[in-house]
Amino acid sequence: MNGPGFHVRVARSEELAAAGRIARNAYLMDGLIKGANIYADQLADAASRAAAPGVDVLVAVAPAVDGVEMVAGTITVAEAGSAYADIALPGELELRMLGVDHRFRGNGVGQLLTRSAIELARERDLTAVLSLVHDNVKAARLYERMNFMRLPDRDWEVPELPELGAMLVYCAPPTLSPAG
């Protein structure tokens, strides 16, 4: 999928370090994680995610400057039963680890990545689902603006990171308008 000068595709091997760095730094910048912990390490390790069966790491790439493309953001998608699916049930694709480089925030990159992940789910005849930390107001606004539906009966907590509190589960709408 393409957006305001950006395009989204599966990350190339040489882009995985940047994708991991962007995801980790976005979570740190937004105060969703603090310092070094197991989740910060997972966010940074996009190469392991990309190598896992049933998992894809997508990147939003900024327009080339002097022939060089730059990774502006990333999202990981995981099929139910894969190593990185925490909440996906059969028939679902889980959206995870969305992050946008601070230099590209405010340009619609997060929404473009989310839309691209939803399109990928639909191409696979799957429904896109995600969970987010209960106090991640910025992400909640994005998903509400995109008409995601809350699934409160599927909310959960991460046993390894109880400090995160409740994880709120959302489901992509059956259709997504181009303006959404």
N, C-alpha and C. Protein backbone atom coordinates (compact mmCIF):
# COMPACT_ATOMS: atom_id res chain seq x y z
N MET A 1 0.85 -1.18 0.00
CA MET A 1 0.00 0.00 0.00
C MET A 1 0.89 1.24 0.00
N ASN A 2 0.38 2.28 -0.61
CA ASN A 2 1.13 3.53 -0.66
C ASN A 2 0.35 4.62 0.05
N GLY A 3 1.06 5.61 0.53
CA GLY A 3 0.43 6.71 1.23
C GLY A 3 1.10 8.01 0.86
N PRO A 4 1.04 8.98 1.75
CA PRO A 4 1.56 10.32 1.45
C PRO A 4 3.07 10.32 1.21
N GLY A 5 3.47 9.79 0.05
CA GLY A 5 4.89 9.73 -0.28
C GLY A 5 5.60 8.51 0.27
N PHE A 6 4.92 7.72 1.07
CA PHE A 6 5.50 6.51 1.67
C PHE A 6 4.91 5.29 0.99
N HIS A 7 5.64 4.19 1.02
CA HIS A 7 5.06 2.92 0.59
C HIS A 7 5.40 1.85 1.62
N VAL A 8 4.53 0.86 1.71
CA VAL A 8 4.68 -0.20 2.71
C VAL A 8 4.94 -1.51 2.00
N ARG A 9 5.87 -2.27 2.56
CA ARG A 9 6.20 -3.59 2.02
C ARG A 9 6.81 -4.43 3.13
N VAL A 10 7.02 -5.69 2.84
CA VAL A 10 7.73 -6.57 3.78
C VAL A 10 9.16 -6.07 3.88
N ALA A 11 9.68 -6.03 5.08
CA ALA A 11 11.03 -5.52 5.31
C ALA A 11 12.07 -6.41 4.62
N ARG A 12 13.06 -5.77 4.06
CA ARG A 12 14.21 -6.47 3.51
C ARG A 12 15.18 -6.76 4.65
N SER A 13 16.01 -7.75 4.49
CA SER A 13 16.92 -8.15 5.57
C SER A 13 17.78 -6.99 6.06
N GLU A 14 18.21 -6.13 5.14
CA GLU A 14 19.06 -5.01 5.54
C GLU A 14 18.27 -3.91 6.26
N GLU A 15 16.95 -4.02 6.31
CA GLU A 15 16.11 -3.02 6.99
C GLU A 15 15.65 -3.46 8.37
N LEU A 16 15.92 -4.71 8.73
CA LEU A 16 15.39 -5.24 9.98
C LEU A 16 15.99 -4.58 11.22
N ALA A 17 17.26 -4.24 11.19
CA ALA A 17 17.86 -3.55 12.35
C ALA A 17 17.18 -2.20 12.55
N ALA A 18 16.94 -1.47 11.46
CA ALA A 18 16.26 -0.17 11.57
C ALA A 18 14.83 -0.35 12.07
N ALA A 19 14.13 -1.37 11.56
CA ALA A 19 12.75 -1.63 12.00
C ALA A 19 12.71 -1.91 13.51
N GLY A 20 13.63 -2.72 13.99
CA GLY A 20 13.69 -3.03 15.42
C GLY A 20 14.02 -1.81 16.26
N ARG A 21 14.96 -1.04 15.79
CA ARG A 21 15.35 0.19 16.51
C ARG A 21 14.16 1.17 16.57
N ILE A 22 13.45 1.31 15.47
CA ILE A 22 12.31 2.22 15.43
C ILE A 22 11.21 1.76 16.38
N ALA A 23 10.90 0.47 16.37
CA ALA A 23 9.86 -0.04 17.27
C ALA A 23 10.24 0.19 18.73
N ARG A 24 11.46 -0.19 19.10
CA ARG A 24 11.90 -0.01 20.49
C ARG A 24 11.90 1.47 20.88
N ASN A 25 12.45 2.32 20.03
CA ASN A 25 12.54 3.74 20.36
C ASN A 25 11.17 4.40 20.46
N ALA A 26 10.23 3.98 19.62
CA ALA A 26 8.88 4.53 19.68
C ALA A 26 8.23 4.19 21.02
N TYR A 27 8.39 2.96 21.46
CA TYR A 27 7.80 2.55 22.75
C TYR A 27 8.48 3.28 23.90
N LEU A 28 9.78 3.47 23.81
CA LEU A 28 10.49 4.24 24.85
C LEU A 28 10.03 5.70 24.85
N MET A 29 9.96 6.30 23.67
CA MET A 29 9.58 7.71 23.55
C MET A 29 8.18 7.96 24.10
N ASP A 30 7.29 7.02 23.87
CA ASP A 30 5.91 7.17 24.33
C ASP A 30 5.71 6.72 25.77
N GLY A 31 6.79 6.27 26.43
CA GLY A 31 6.70 5.86 27.82
C GLY A 31 6.00 4.54 28.04
N LEU A 32 5.88 3.73 26.98
CA LEU A 32 5.21 2.43 27.10
C LEU A 32 6.12 1.39 27.72
N ILE A 33 7.41 1.57 27.56
CA ILE A 33 8.41 0.75 28.24
C ILE A 33 9.44 1.70 28.83
N LYS A 34 10.14 1.22 29.82
CA LYS A 34 11.16 2.05 30.46
C LYS A 34 12.46 1.24 30.54
N GLY A 35 13.50 1.77 29.92
CA GLY A 35 14.81 1.15 30.00
C GLY A 35 14.85 -0.23 29.38
N ALA A 36 15.80 -1.00 29.86
CA ALA A 36 16.01 -2.36 29.35
C ALA A 36 15.06 -3.33 30.04
N ASN A 37 14.36 -4.11 29.24
CA ASN A 37 13.54 -5.20 29.76
C ASN A 37 13.32 -6.21 28.63
N ILE A 38 12.64 -7.29 28.94
CA ILE A 38 12.46 -8.35 27.96
C ILE A 38 11.67 -7.87 26.74
N TYR A 39 10.71 -6.98 26.95
CA TYR A 39 9.92 -6.50 25.82
C TYR A 39 10.72 -5.54 24.95
N ALA A 40 11.54 -4.71 25.55
CA ALA A 40 12.41 -3.82 24.77
C ALA A 40 13.31 -4.65 23.87
N ASP A 41 13.83 -5.77 24.39
CA ASP A 41 14.67 -6.65 23.59
C ASP A 41 13.88 -7.26 22.44
N GLN A 42 12.62 -7.67 22.69
CA GLN A 42 11.79 -8.23 21.62
C GLN A 42 11.49 -7.19 20.55
N LEU A 43 11.19 -5.97 20.99
CA LEU A 43 10.91 -4.91 20.03
C LEU A 43 12.11 -4.67 19.12
N ALA A 44 13.30 -4.68 19.69
CA ALA A 44 14.52 -4.40 18.93
C ALA A 44 14.90 -5.53 17.98
N ASP A 45 14.42 -6.74 18.24
CA ASP A 45 14.84 -7.91 17.47
C ASP A 45 13.88 -8.23 16.32
N ALA A 46 13.80 -7.33 15.36
CA ALA A 46 12.93 -7.54 14.21
C ALA A 46 13.41 -8.73 13.36
N ALA A 47 14.69 -9.02 13.38
CA ALA A 47 15.22 -10.14 12.58
C ALA A 47 14.64 -11.47 13.05
N SER A 48 14.53 -11.67 14.36
CA SER A 48 13.94 -12.92 14.86
C SER A 48 12.46 -13.01 14.49
N ARG A 49 11.77 -11.87 14.56
CA ARG A 49 10.35 -11.87 14.18
C ARG A 49 10.21 -12.24 12.70
N ALA A 50 11.01 -11.63 11.86
CA ALA A 50 10.92 -11.86 10.42
C ALA A 50 11.25 -13.31 10.06
N ALA A 51 12.07 -13.96 10.85
CA ALA A 51 12.46 -15.34 10.58
C ALA A 51 11.43 -16.36 11.07
N ALA A 52 10.50 -15.93 11.91
CA ALA A 52 9.52 -16.85 12.50
C ALA A 52 8.43 -17.20 11.49
N PRO A 53 8.06 -18.48 11.40
CA PRO A 53 6.97 -18.87 10.50
C PRO A 53 5.66 -18.18 10.90
N GLY A 54 4.92 -17.72 9.89
CA GLY A 54 3.63 -17.08 10.14
C GLY A 54 3.73 -15.64 10.60
N VAL A 55 4.92 -15.05 10.50
CA VAL A 55 5.14 -13.68 10.97
C VAL A 55 5.78 -12.87 9.84
N ASP A 56 5.29 -11.64 9.67
CA ASP A 56 5.88 -10.72 8.70
C ASP A 56 6.18 -9.40 9.40
N VAL A 57 7.32 -8.81 9.08
CA VAL A 57 7.66 -7.47 9.55
C VAL A 57 7.48 -6.56 8.34
N LEU A 58 6.56 -5.61 8.46
CA LEU A 58 6.32 -4.65 7.39
C LEU A 58 7.03 -3.34 7.74
N VAL A 59 7.42 -2.62 6.71
CA VAL A 59 8.02 -1.31 6.92
C VAL A 59 7.35 -0.29 6.00
N ALA A 60 7.25 0.93 6.50
CA ALA A 60 6.87 2.06 5.68
C ALA A 60 8.18 2.72 5.28
N VAL A 61 8.34 2.92 4.00
CA VAL A 61 9.58 3.47 3.48
C VAL A 61 9.32 4.89 2.97
N ALA A 62 10.17 5.81 3.41
CA ALA A 62 10.07 7.21 2.98
C ALA A 62 10.58 7.33 1.56
N PRO A 63 10.13 8.35 0.85
CA PRO A 63 10.63 8.57 -0.51
C PRO A 63 12.15 8.66 -0.52
N ALA A 64 12.73 8.13 -1.57
CA ALA A 64 14.19 8.12 -1.69
C ALA A 64 14.75 9.53 -1.80
N VAL A 65 15.80 9.77 -1.06
CA VAL A 65 16.54 11.02 -1.15
C VAL A 65 17.93 10.65 -1.64
N ASP A 66 18.32 11.22 -2.76
CA ASP A 66 19.61 10.87 -3.39
C ASP A 66 19.72 9.37 -3.62
N GLY A 67 18.59 8.74 -3.98
CA GLY A 67 18.58 7.32 -4.30
C GLY A 67 18.55 6.39 -3.10
N VAL A 68 18.48 6.96 -1.88
CA VAL A 68 18.49 6.14 -0.67
C VAL A 68 17.12 6.19 0.00
N GLU A 69 16.50 5.01 0.19
CA GLU A 69 15.23 4.92 0.90
C GLU A 69 15.52 4.85 2.40
N MET A 70 14.55 5.31 3.18
CA MET A 70 14.71 5.29 4.63
C MET A 70 13.47 4.67 5.27
N VAL A 71 13.69 3.77 6.23
CA VAL A 71 12.58 3.16 6.96
C VAL A 71 12.01 4.21 7.90
N ALA A 72 10.71 4.48 7.73
CA ALA A 72 10.03 5.50 8.54
C ALA A 72 9.21 4.90 9.66
N GLY A 73 8.82 3.63 9.51
CA GLY A 73 8.00 2.98 10.53
C GLY A 73 7.90 1.50 10.26
N THR A 74 7.31 0.79 11.22
CA THR A 74 7.23 -0.66 11.12
C THR A 74 6.01 -1.18 11.88
N ILE A 75 5.54 -2.33 11.47
CA ILE A 75 4.51 -3.08 12.18
C ILE A 75 4.78 -4.55 11.93
N THR A 76 4.53 -5.36 12.92
CA THR A 76 4.68 -6.81 12.79
C THR A 76 3.30 -7.43 12.77
N VAL A 77 3.09 -8.41 11.89
CA VAL A 77 1.84 -9.15 11.85
C VAL A 77 2.13 -10.62 12.09
N ALA A 78 1.28 -11.24 12.92
CA ALA A 78 1.52 -12.63 13.32
C ALA A 78 0.22 -13.43 13.19
N GLU A 79 0.30 -14.54 12.49
CA GLU A 79 -0.85 -15.41 12.35
C GLU A 79 -1.08 -16.18 13.64
N ALA A 80 -2.33 -16.55 13.88
CA ALA A 80 -2.68 -17.34 15.06
C ALA A 80 -1.79 -18.57 15.14
N GLY A 81 -1.30 -18.86 16.33
CA GLY A 81 -0.45 -20.03 16.54
C GLY A 81 1.02 -19.78 16.29
N SER A 82 1.37 -18.63 15.73
CA SER A 82 2.78 -18.35 15.49
C SER A 82 3.44 -17.87 16.78
N ALA A 83 4.75 -17.83 16.77
CA ALA A 83 5.52 -17.50 17.97
C ALA A 83 5.23 -16.09 18.50
N TYR A 84 4.77 -15.18 17.66
CA TYR A 84 4.55 -13.80 18.09
C TYR A 84 3.08 -13.42 18.22
N ALA A 85 2.20 -14.39 18.13
CA ALA A 85 0.77 -14.12 18.30
C ALA A 85 0.40 -14.36 19.77
N ASP A 86 0.00 -13.29 20.44
CA ASP A 86 -0.42 -13.40 21.83
C ASP A 86 -1.93 -13.62 21.94
N ILE A 87 -2.70 -12.97 21.07
CA ILE A 87 -4.15 -13.00 21.22
C ILE A 87 -4.90 -13.52 20.00
N ALA A 88 -4.23 -13.68 18.86
CA ALA A 88 -4.91 -14.09 17.63
C ALA A 88 -5.48 -15.49 17.77
N LEU A 89 -6.74 -15.60 17.41
CA LEU A 89 -7.43 -16.88 17.35
C LEU A 89 -7.41 -17.37 15.91
N PRO A 90 -7.74 -18.64 15.66
CA PRO A 90 -7.81 -19.09 14.27
C PRO A 90 -8.70 -18.14 13.45
N GLY A 91 -8.22 -17.79 12.27
CA GLY A 91 -8.95 -16.86 11.42
C GLY A 91 -8.58 -15.41 11.65
N GLU A 92 -7.54 -15.16 12.49
CA GLU A 92 -7.15 -13.80 12.80
C GLU A 92 -5.66 -13.58 12.51
N LEU A 93 -5.33 -12.33 12.25
CA LEU A 93 -3.95 -11.90 12.09
C LEU A 93 -3.72 -10.81 13.13
N GLU A 94 -2.73 -10.99 13.97
CA GLU A 94 -2.46 -10.05 15.06
C GLU A 94 -1.48 -8.98 14.63
N LEU A 95 -1.86 -7.73 14.85
CA LEU A 95 -1.01 -6.59 14.56
C LEU A 95 -0.23 -6.25 15.82
N ARG A 96 1.09 -6.13 15.68
CA ARG A 96 1.94 -5.94 16.84
C ARG A 96 3.04 -4.93 16.55
N MET A 97 3.57 -4.38 17.61
CA MET A 97 4.83 -3.63 17.59
C MET A 97 4.87 -2.51 16.56
N LEU A 98 3.78 -1.75 16.46
CA LEU A 98 3.73 -0.60 15.58
C LEU A 98 4.64 0.49 16.13
N GLY A 99 5.50 1.02 15.29
CA GLY A 99 6.37 2.11 15.69
C GLY A 99 6.71 2.99 14.51
N VAL A 100 6.77 4.30 14.77
CA VAL A 100 7.12 5.27 13.73
C VAL A 100 8.33 6.06 14.22
N ASP A 101 9.31 6.20 13.35
CA ASP A 101 10.50 6.99 13.66
C ASP A 101 10.04 8.40 14.02
N HIS A 102 10.63 8.97 15.07
CA HIS A 102 10.21 10.29 15.55
C HIS A 102 10.27 11.37 14.47
N ARG A 103 11.17 11.21 13.50
CA ARG A 103 11.30 12.20 12.43
C ARG A 103 10.11 12.19 11.47
N PHE A 104 9.34 11.10 11.48
CA PHE A 104 8.23 10.95 10.54
C PHE A 104 6.86 10.98 11.21
N ARG A 105 6.83 11.20 12.51
CA ARG A 105 5.55 11.24 13.21
C ARG A 105 4.72 12.42 12.72
N GLY A 106 3.41 12.21 12.72
CA GLY A 106 2.51 13.27 12.28
C GLY A 106 2.28 13.30 10.78
N ASN A 107 2.82 12.32 10.06
CA ASN A 107 2.67 12.25 8.61
C ASN A 107 1.75 11.11 8.16
N GLY A 108 1.03 10.48 9.09
CA GLY A 108 0.11 9.41 8.72
C GLY A 108 0.77 8.06 8.54
N VAL A 109 2.02 7.92 8.95
CA VAL A 109 2.75 6.66 8.75
C VAL A 109 2.15 5.53 9.58
N GLY A 110 1.78 5.82 10.83
CA GLY A 110 1.17 4.78 11.68
C GLY A 110 -0.14 4.28 11.10
N GLN A 111 -0.94 5.20 10.61
CA GLN A 111 -2.22 4.80 10.00
C GLN A 111 -1.98 4.02 8.71
N LEU A 112 -1.02 4.45 7.92
CA LEU A 112 -0.69 3.74 6.68
C LEU A 112 -0.24 2.31 6.97
N LEU A 113 0.63 2.14 7.96
CA LEU A 113 1.08 0.80 8.34
C LEU A 113 -0.09 -0.06 8.83
N THR A 114 -0.95 0.53 9.64
CA THR A 114 -2.10 -0.22 10.16
C THR A 114 -3.02 -0.62 9.02
N ARG A 115 -3.32 0.30 8.12
CA ARG A 115 -4.16 -0.03 6.96
C ARG A 115 -3.53 -1.14 6.11
N SER A 116 -2.24 -1.07 5.91
CA SER A 116 -1.55 -2.09 5.11
C SER A 116 -1.64 -3.45 5.78
N ALA A 117 -1.50 -3.48 7.10
CA ALA A 117 -1.61 -4.75 7.84
C ALA A 117 -3.03 -5.31 7.73
N ILE A 118 -4.03 -4.43 7.79
CA ILE A 118 -5.42 -4.87 7.64
C ILE A 118 -5.65 -5.43 6.25
N GLU A 119 -5.10 -4.76 5.24
CA GLU A 119 -5.23 -5.25 3.86
C GLU A 119 -4.58 -6.62 3.71
N LEU A 120 -3.42 -6.80 4.34
CA LEU A 120 -2.75 -8.10 4.29
C LEU A 120 -3.62 -9.17 4.93
N ALA A 121 -4.23 -8.84 6.06
CA ALA A 121 -5.14 -9.80 6.73
C ALA A 121 -6.28 -10.17 5.79
N ARG A 122 -6.86 -9.19 5.15
CA ARG A 122 -7.99 -9.45 4.25
C ARG A 122 -7.57 -10.29 3.06
N GLU A 123 -6.36 -10.03 2.53
CA GLU A 123 -5.85 -10.85 1.42
C GLU A 123 -5.74 -12.31 1.83
N ARG A 124 -5.50 -12.54 3.10
CA ARG A 124 -5.36 -13.92 3.63
C ARG A 124 -6.67 -14.43 4.20
N ASP A 125 -7.76 -13.71 3.98
CA ASP A 125 -9.08 -14.06 4.53
C ASP A 125 -9.05 -14.16 6.05
N LEU A 126 -8.34 -13.24 6.67
CA LEU A 126 -8.23 -13.18 8.13
C LEU A 126 -8.77 -11.84 8.63
N THR A 127 -9.10 -11.80 9.90
CA THR A 127 -9.52 -10.57 10.56
C THR A 127 -8.35 -10.04 11.37
N ALA A 128 -8.09 -8.75 11.27
CA ALA A 128 -7.00 -8.14 12.02
C ALA A 128 -7.44 -7.81 13.45
N VAL A 129 -6.60 -8.20 14.41
CA VAL A 129 -6.83 -7.89 15.83
C VAL A 129 -5.54 -7.33 16.41
N LEU A 130 -5.68 -6.63 17.52
CA LEU A 130 -4.50 -6.11 18.21
C LEU A 130 -4.84 -5.86 19.66
N SER A 131 -3.80 -5.71 20.46
CA SER A 131 -4.00 -5.30 21.84
C SER A 131 -3.02 -4.17 22.13
N LEU A 132 -3.42 -3.31 23.05
CA LEU A 132 -2.55 -2.22 23.42
C LEU A 132 -2.67 -1.94 24.91
N VAL A 133 -1.62 -1.36 25.45
CA VAL A 133 -1.57 -1.02 26.87
C VAL A 133 -2.72 -0.06 27.17
N HIS A 134 -3.39 -0.29 28.28
CA HIS A 134 -4.60 0.47 28.63
C HIS A 134 -4.41 1.97 28.63
N ASP A 135 -3.22 2.46 28.93
CA ASP A 135 -3.03 3.91 28.99
C ASP A 135 -2.33 4.48 27.74
N ASN A 136 -2.32 3.73 26.65
CA ASN A 136 -1.74 4.21 25.40
C ASN A 136 -2.81 5.01 24.65
N VAL A 137 -3.03 6.22 25.12
CA VAL A 137 -4.09 7.08 24.60
C VAL A 137 -3.89 7.41 23.13
N LYS A 138 -2.65 7.66 22.72
CA LYS A 138 -2.36 8.03 21.33
C LYS A 138 -2.77 6.89 20.38
N ALA A 139 -2.40 5.67 20.70
CA ALA A 139 -2.76 4.53 19.84
C ALA A 139 -4.26 4.29 19.87
N ALA A 140 -4.87 4.41 21.04
CA ALA A 140 -6.31 4.21 21.15
C ALA A 140 -7.06 5.19 20.25
N ARG A 141 -6.60 6.45 20.21
CA ARG A 141 -7.24 7.45 19.32
C ARG A 141 -7.11 7.04 17.86
N LEU A 142 -5.93 6.53 17.46
CA LEU A 142 -5.74 6.08 16.08
C LEU A 142 -6.73 4.97 15.75
N TYR A 143 -6.82 3.96 16.60
CA TYR A 143 -7.67 2.81 16.30
C TYR A 143 -9.15 3.20 16.34
N GLU A 144 -9.53 4.08 17.24
CA GLU A 144 -10.92 4.54 17.28
C GLU A 144 -11.25 5.35 16.02
N ARG A 145 -10.32 6.18 15.58
CA ARG A 145 -10.51 6.97 14.36
C ARG A 145 -10.66 6.04 13.14
N MET A 146 -10.00 4.89 13.20
CA MET A 146 -10.07 3.93 12.10
C MET A 146 -11.23 2.95 12.28
N ASN A 147 -12.08 3.20 13.27
CA ASN A 147 -13.29 2.40 13.53
C ASN A 147 -13.02 0.97 14.00
N PHE A 148 -11.89 0.77 14.66
CA PHE A 148 -11.67 -0.53 15.30
C PHE A 148 -12.72 -0.71 16.38
N MET A 149 -13.09 -1.95 16.64
CA MET A 149 -14.07 -2.26 17.68
C MET A 149 -13.36 -2.85 18.89
N ARG A 150 -13.73 -2.37 20.08
CA ARG A 150 -13.17 -2.93 21.31
C ARG A 150 -13.79 -4.29 21.57
N LEU A 151 -12.96 -5.21 22.03
CA LEU A 151 -13.40 -6.55 22.43
C LEU A 151 -13.04 -6.74 23.91
N PRO A 152 -13.75 -6.08 24.82
CA PRO A 152 -13.35 -6.10 26.23
C PRO A 152 -13.33 -7.48 26.86
N ASP A 153 -14.11 -8.41 26.34
CA ASP A 153 -14.10 -9.77 26.89
C ASP A 153 -12.80 -10.50 26.59
N ARG A 154 -11.96 -9.94 25.70
CA ARG A 154 -10.67 -10.56 25.37
C ARG A 154 -9.49 -9.81 25.96
N ASP A 155 -9.73 -8.76 26.76
CA ASP A 155 -8.63 -8.04 27.41
C ASP A 155 -7.82 -9.03 28.24
N TRP A 156 -6.53 -8.73 28.42
CA TRP A 156 -5.64 -9.65 29.11
C TRP A 156 -4.50 -8.89 29.75
N GLU A 157 -3.66 -9.60 30.49
CA GLU A 157 -2.46 -9.02 31.09
C GLU A 157 -1.26 -9.85 30.70
N VAL A 158 -0.12 -9.20 30.55
CA VAL A 158 1.12 -9.88 30.18
C VAL A 158 1.77 -10.40 31.46
N PRO A 159 1.82 -11.72 31.65
CA PRO A 159 2.36 -12.25 32.91
C PRO A 159 3.79 -11.80 33.20
N GLU A 160 4.63 -11.68 32.13
CA GLU A 160 6.03 -11.30 32.32
C GLU A 160 6.20 -9.82 32.63
N LEU A 161 5.19 -9.02 32.34
CA LEU A 161 5.28 -7.57 32.53
C LEU A 161 4.01 -7.04 33.21
N PRO A 162 3.79 -7.42 34.46
CA PRO A 162 2.55 -6.99 35.14
C PRO A 162 2.45 -5.48 35.27
N GLU A 163 3.58 -4.78 35.20
CA GLU A 163 3.54 -3.31 35.30
C GLU A 163 2.79 -2.66 34.14
N LEU A 164 2.60 -3.38 33.05
CA LEU A 164 1.85 -2.83 31.92
C LEU A 164 0.37 -2.69 32.24
N GLY A 165 -0.13 -3.53 33.12
CA GLY A 165 -1.56 -3.51 33.43
C GLY A 165 -2.36 -4.19 32.33
N ALA A 166 -3.62 -3.81 32.24
CA ALA A 166 -4.53 -4.45 31.27
C ALA A 166 -4.14 -4.12 29.84
N MET A 167 -4.21 -5.13 29.00
CA MET A 167 -4.03 -4.97 27.56
C MET A 167 -5.42 -4.98 26.94
N LEU A 168 -5.76 -3.92 26.22
CA LEU A 168 -7.08 -3.78 25.62
C LEU A 168 -7.06 -4.36 24.21
N VAL A 169 -8.06 -5.18 23.90
CA VAL A 169 -8.10 -5.88 22.61
C VAL A 169 -9.08 -5.16 21.68
N TYR A 170 -8.65 -5.00 20.42
CA TYR A 170 -9.43 -4.35 19.38
C TYR A 170 -9.47 -5.25 18.15
N CYS A 171 -10.52 -5.09 17.36
CA CYS A 171 -10.69 -5.83 16.11
C CYS A 171 -10.91 -4.81 14.99
N ALA A 172 -10.26 -5.03 13.85
CA ALA A 172 -10.44 -4.13 12.70
C ALA A 172 -11.88 -4.22 12.22
N PRO A 173 -12.42 -3.13 11.70
CA PRO A 173 -13.78 -3.16 11.19
C PRO A 173 -13.87 -4.03 9.94
N PRO A 174 -15.08 -4.51 9.62
CA PRO A 174 -15.23 -5.34 8.43
C PRO A 174 -14.82 -4.62 7.16
N THR A 175 -15.05 -3.33 7.11
CA THR A 175 -14.59 -2.52 5.97
C THR A 175 -13.95 -1.28 6.53
N LEU A 176 -13.05 -0.74 5.76
CA LEU A 176 -12.33 0.46 6.18
C LEU A 176 -12.40 1.46 5.04
N SER A 177 -13.06 2.58 5.29
CA SER A 177 -13.20 3.57 4.24
C SER A 177 -11.85 4.22 3.96
N PRO A 178 -11.62 4.67 2.73
CA PRO A 178 -10.34 5.30 2.41
C PRO A 178 -10.04 6.51 3.28
N ALA A 179 -11.05 7.21 3.73
CA ALA A 179 -10.83 8.40 4.57
C ALA A 179 -10.63 8.05 6.03
N GLY A 180 -11.02 6.82 6.45
CA GLY A 180 -10.99 6.42 7.86
C GLY A 180 -9.73 6.62 8.48
